[in-house]
N, C-alpha and C. Protein backbone atom coordinates (compact mmCIF):
# COMPACT_ATOMS: atom_id res chain seq x y z
N MET A 1 0.78 -1.34 -0.35
CA MET A 1 0.11 0.08 0.10
C MET A 1 0.68 1.60 0.15
N ILE A 2 0.36 2.16 -0.84
CA ILE A 2 1.27 3.27 -1.18
C ILE A 2 0.37 4.42 -0.05
N VAL A 3 1.39 5.37 0.70
CA VAL A 3 0.13 6.30 2.11
C VAL A 3 0.67 7.44 1.41
N ARG A 4 0.37 8.56 1.25
CA ARG A 4 0.90 9.66 1.59
C ARG A 4 0.49 10.83 2.77
N ILE A 5 2.03 10.68 2.81
CA ILE A 5 0.96 11.86 4.34
C ILE A 5 1.44 13.82 3.89
N LEU A 6 0.35 14.54 3.57
CA LEU A 6 -0.11 15.42 3.14
C LEU A 6 1.23 16.57 3.85
N GLY A 7 1.41 17.04 2.93
CA GLY A 7 2.89 17.46 3.81
C GLY A 7 4.42 17.13 4.21
N ASP A 8 4.57 15.95 3.64
CA ASP A 8 5.59 14.74 4.18
C ASP A 8 5.97 14.13 2.76
N ASP A 9 5.57 13.10 2.91
CA ASP A 9 6.47 12.04 1.69
C ASP A 9 5.07 11.07 1.04
N GLN A 10 5.26 10.05 0.17
CA GLN A 10 4.55 8.90 0.91
C GLN A 10 5.72 7.87 1.10
N TYR A 11 5.48 6.75 1.36
CA TYR A 11 5.60 5.64 2.44
C TYR A 11 4.95 4.32 1.83
N HIS A 12 5.99 3.29 1.37
CA HIS A 12 5.05 1.91 1.12
C HIS A 12 5.37 1.31 2.27
N VAL A 13 4.12 0.49 2.85
CA VAL A 13 3.44 0.19 3.94
C VAL A 13 3.42 -1.06 3.41
N ALA A 14 3.77 -2.63 3.82
CA ALA A 14 4.05 -3.73 3.58
C ALA A 14 2.24 -4.16 4.06
N ASP A 15 2.28 -5.17 3.49
CA ASP A 15 0.18 -5.87 3.36
C ASP A 15 -0.09 -6.50 4.85
N ALA A 16 1.67 -6.89 5.46
CA ALA A 16 1.22 -7.44 6.52
C ALA A 16 0.77 -6.48 7.72
N GLU A 17 1.41 -4.92 7.92
CA GLU A 17 1.13 -3.58 8.54
C GLU A 17 0.18 -3.12 8.46
N VAL A 18 -0.78 -3.00 7.22
CA VAL A 18 -2.29 -2.75 7.06
C VAL A 18 -2.93 -2.89 8.05
N ALA A 19 -3.28 -3.98 8.98
CA ALA A 19 -4.42 -4.36 9.71
C ALA A 19 -4.14 -3.16 10.70
N GLY A 20 -2.53 -2.83 11.35
CA GLY A 20 -2.64 -2.47 12.77
C GLY A 20 -2.39 -1.37 12.33
N LEU A 21 -2.34 -0.14 11.03
CA LEU A 21 -2.99 1.29 10.60
C LEU A 21 -4.28 1.09 10.65
N ASN A 22 -5.34 0.18 10.20
CA ASN A 22 -6.50 0.24 10.54
C ASN A 22 -7.09 0.95 12.03
N GLU A 23 -6.19 -0.12 13.06
CA GLU A 23 -6.88 -0.38 14.05
C GLU A 23 -6.68 1.10 14.52
N LEU A 24 -5.63 1.79 14.55
CA LEU A 24 -4.89 2.89 14.77
C LEU A 24 -5.89 3.95 14.11
N ASP A 25 -6.61 3.62 12.82
CA ASP A 25 -7.35 4.88 12.16
C ASP A 25 -8.73 4.68 12.60
N ASP A 26 -9.19 3.73 12.94
CA ASP A 26 -10.45 2.91 13.86
C ASP A 26 -10.03 4.11 15.28
N GLU A 27 -9.31 3.88 16.13
CA GLU A 27 -9.15 4.71 17.29
C GLU A 27 -9.28 7.00 16.68
N LEU A 28 -7.77 6.81 15.95
CA LEU A 28 -8.70 9.03 15.51
C LEU A 28 -10.01 8.49 14.74
N GLN A 29 -10.97 7.54 14.22
CA GLN A 29 -12.59 8.10 14.09
C GLN A 29 -13.08 8.18 15.33
N ARG A 30 -13.00 7.62 16.14
CA ARG A 30 -13.67 7.41 17.36
C ARG A 30 -13.05 8.73 18.24
N ALA A 31 -12.21 9.42 18.03
CA ALA A 31 -12.05 10.52 18.62
C ALA A 31 -12.41 11.29 17.69
N VAL A 32 -12.63 11.75 16.49
CA VAL A 32 -13.39 12.39 15.50
C VAL A 32 -14.54 12.94 15.49
N ASP A 33 -15.48 10.83 15.82
CA ASP A 33 -16.72 11.02 16.39
C ASP A 33 -16.85 11.96 17.70
N ALA A 34 -16.12 11.53 18.93
CA ALA A 34 -16.44 12.09 20.19
C ALA A 34 -15.85 13.46 19.79
N GLY A 35 -15.55 13.99 19.10
CA GLY A 35 -15.11 15.83 19.24
C GLY A 35 -14.03 15.61 20.38
N ASP A 36 -13.46 14.40 21.05
CA ASP A 36 -11.97 14.65 21.36
C ASP A 36 -10.75 15.16 20.58
N GLU A 37 -10.44 16.27 21.28
CA GLU A 37 -9.38 17.26 20.97
C GLU A 37 -8.15 15.95 21.14
N ARG A 38 -7.91 16.05 22.58
CA ARG A 38 -7.12 15.72 23.09
C ARG A 38 -6.45 14.03 21.96
N ALA A 39 -7.43 13.13 22.37
CA ALA A 39 -7.60 11.75 21.80
C ALA A 39 -7.48 12.33 20.13
N PHE A 40 -8.19 13.02 19.31
CA PHE A 40 -7.66 12.91 18.28
C PHE A 40 -6.11 13.34 18.25
N GLU A 41 -5.78 14.21 18.68
CA GLU A 41 -4.44 14.62 18.80
C GLU A 41 -3.24 13.27 18.64
N ALA A 42 -3.20 12.93 19.49
CA ALA A 42 -2.38 11.35 20.07
C ALA A 42 -3.16 10.16 19.25
N ALA A 43 -4.42 10.17 18.49
CA ALA A 43 -4.60 9.28 17.32
C ALA A 43 -3.72 9.04 15.77
N LEU A 44 -4.07 10.94 15.92
CA LEU A 44 -3.44 11.38 14.55
C LEU A 44 -1.15 11.17 14.88
N ALA A 45 -0.90 11.28 15.80
CA ALA A 45 0.31 11.24 15.47
C ALA A 45 0.86 10.04 15.88
N ALA A 46 -0.18 8.84 16.82
CA ALA A 46 0.21 7.86 16.76
C ALA A 46 -0.37 6.78 14.80
N LEU A 47 -0.79 7.46 14.38
CA LEU A 47 -0.74 6.80 13.05
C LEU A 47 0.29 7.06 12.13
N LEU A 48 0.52 8.44 11.79
CA LEU A 48 1.00 9.50 11.09
C LEU A 48 2.93 8.43 11.29
N GLY A 49 3.38 8.23 13.16
CA GLY A 49 4.41 8.11 13.35
C GLY A 49 4.45 6.56 13.37
N ARG A 50 3.10 5.84 12.97
CA ARG A 50 3.71 3.92 12.25
C ARG A 50 4.07 4.09 11.08
N VAL A 51 2.49 5.20 10.70
CA VAL A 51 3.16 5.06 8.56
C VAL A 51 5.07 5.40 8.61
N ARG A 52 5.27 6.12 9.04
CA ARG A 52 6.90 6.91 9.71
C ARG A 52 7.74 5.41 9.92
N HIS A 53 7.15 4.68 10.66
CA HIS A 53 8.27 3.90 11.45
C HIS A 53 8.13 2.48 10.32
N VAL A 54 6.95 1.71 9.99
CA VAL A 54 7.07 0.89 9.06
C VAL A 54 7.07 0.92 8.55
N GLY A 55 7.28 2.57 7.66
CA GLY A 55 6.82 2.47 6.13
C GLY A 55 8.38 2.68 5.03
N THR A 56 8.28 2.07 4.35
CA THR A 56 9.73 2.83 3.37
C THR A 56 9.50 4.04 2.70
N LYS A 57 10.55 5.37 2.80
CA LYS A 57 10.00 5.94 2.20
C LYS A 57 9.78 6.64 0.69
N LEU A 58 9.16 6.88 -0.65
CA LEU A 58 9.66 6.56 -1.46
C LEU A 58 10.22 7.87 -2.74
N PRO A 59 11.05 7.86 -3.37
CA PRO A 59 11.68 8.91 -3.16
C PRO A 59 11.28 10.15 -4.22
N ALA A 60 11.04 10.97 -3.87
CA ALA A 60 10.76 12.40 -3.43
C ALA A 60 10.05 12.80 -5.54
N ASP A 61 11.04 12.45 -6.35
CA ASP A 61 10.81 11.92 -7.40
C ASP A 61 9.40 11.12 -8.39
N ALA A 62 9.16 10.36 -6.95
CA ALA A 62 8.83 8.92 -7.74
C ALA A 62 6.75 9.44 -8.38
N LEU A 63 6.41 9.03 -9.36
CA LEU A 63 5.16 9.35 -9.64
C LEU A 63 4.48 8.24 -9.19
N THR A 64 3.95 7.35 -8.12
CA THR A 64 2.78 6.30 -7.56
C THR A 64 1.74 7.28 -7.62
N PRO A 65 0.55 6.70 -7.35
CA PRO A 65 -0.78 6.95 -7.05
C PRO A 65 -0.55 6.55 -5.74
N SER A 66 -1.19 6.93 -4.72
CA SER A 66 -1.42 6.54 -3.14
C SER A 66 -3.03 5.83 -3.15
N ASP A 67 -2.45 4.97 -2.28
CA ASP A 67 -4.02 4.46 -1.91
C ASP A 67 -4.71 4.96 -0.77
N ALA A 68 -3.71 5.70 0.59
CA ALA A 68 -4.03 6.60 1.20
C ALA A 68 -3.73 7.81 1.74
N LEU A 69 -4.45 8.72 1.62
CA LEU A 69 -3.97 10.15 1.85
C LEU A 69 -4.60 11.00 3.16
N LEU A 70 -2.92 10.85 4.28
CA LEU A 70 -3.36 11.27 5.62
C LEU A 70 -3.00 12.36 5.36
N PRO A 71 -3.76 13.09 6.49
CA PRO A 71 -3.26 14.76 6.81
C PRO A 71 -2.44 14.50 7.21
N GLN A 72 -1.65 16.16 7.54
CA GLN A 72 -0.06 16.71 8.04
C GLN A 72 -0.63 16.43 9.27
N ASP A 73 0.42 16.42 10.03
CA ASP A 73 1.13 16.64 11.55
C ASP A 73 -0.11 17.96 12.37
N ASP A 74 0.20 18.69 11.76
CA ASP A 74 -0.93 19.58 12.15
C ASP A 74 -1.89 19.90 12.03
N ALA A 75 -3.03 19.17 11.72
CA ALA A 75 -4.63 19.19 10.99
C ALA A 75 -5.48 19.55 12.00
N GLY A 76 -6.33 19.87 12.37
CA GLY A 76 -7.20 20.08 13.28
C GLY A 76 -7.86 18.91 13.01
N LEU A 77 -8.99 19.14 13.84
CA LEU A 77 -10.50 17.96 14.29
C LEU A 77 -10.90 18.37 13.09
N ALA A 78 -11.78 18.91 12.99
CA ALA A 78 -12.27 19.92 12.05
C ALA A 78 -11.54 18.77 10.82
N GLU A 79 -10.61 19.71 10.67
CA GLU A 79 -10.18 19.05 9.03
C GLU A 79 -10.53 18.43 8.64
N VAL A 80 -9.66 16.93 9.98
CA VAL A 80 -9.85 15.45 9.56
C VAL A 80 -11.30 14.82 9.02
N ALA A 81 -12.20 15.37 9.96
CA ALA A 81 -13.08 15.25 9.92
C ALA A 81 -14.25 15.55 8.73
N GLU A 82 -13.70 16.34 8.24
CA GLU A 82 -14.30 16.61 6.53
C GLU A 82 -14.05 15.25 5.71
N ALA A 83 -12.81 15.02 5.68
CA ALA A 83 -11.84 14.25 5.31
C ALA A 83 -11.98 12.26 5.49
N LEU A 84 -12.70 12.53 6.44
CA LEU A 84 -13.03 10.90 6.28
C LEU A 84 -14.24 10.92 6.16
N HIS A 85 -14.63 9.54 5.93
CA HIS A 85 -15.27 8.50 5.61
C HIS A 85 -15.76 7.62 6.00
N GLU A 86 -16.67 6.78 5.37
CA GLU A 86 -17.58 5.75 6.09
C GLU A 86 -15.76 4.49 6.22
N GLU A 87 -14.98 4.15 5.39
CA GLU A 87 -14.29 3.60 5.80
C GLU A 87 -12.58 4.03 6.01
N GLY A 88 -13.12 5.22 7.44
CA GLY A 88 -11.52 5.81 7.84
C GLY A 88 -10.74 6.13 6.46
N LEU A 89 -9.63 6.51 6.59
CA LEU A 89 -8.49 6.97 6.37
C LEU A 89 -8.07 6.04 5.39
N ILE A 90 -7.62 5.30 6.35
CA ILE A 90 -6.84 4.20 5.68
C ILE A 90 -7.64 2.61 4.79
N PRO A 91 -7.51 2.67 3.37
CA PRO A 91 -8.12 1.57 3.02
C PRO A 91 -8.50 0.43 3.79
N GLY A 92 -9.47 -0.67 3.57
CA GLY A 92 -8.83 -2.06 3.56
C GLY A 92 -9.57 -2.44 5.13
């Protein structure tokens, strides 16, 4: 899976890691649904950190379509709420 973090880079994340990303995505969804700013900030940081940790950064000149588009580190709760859809931010 190719994941783009806005304001950052694209990362290749192995299929074996997608379930873990989905768990973090679910936490983010719950925080947004509850309007809990502190939980939201922690969940977003955890999700982005996990992508950066388990993913392999693609070269800046790579023209690879992204499977998932994640907000930047300083995104606000309302901004992310608009980007969320039924599956969350991570498909699958």
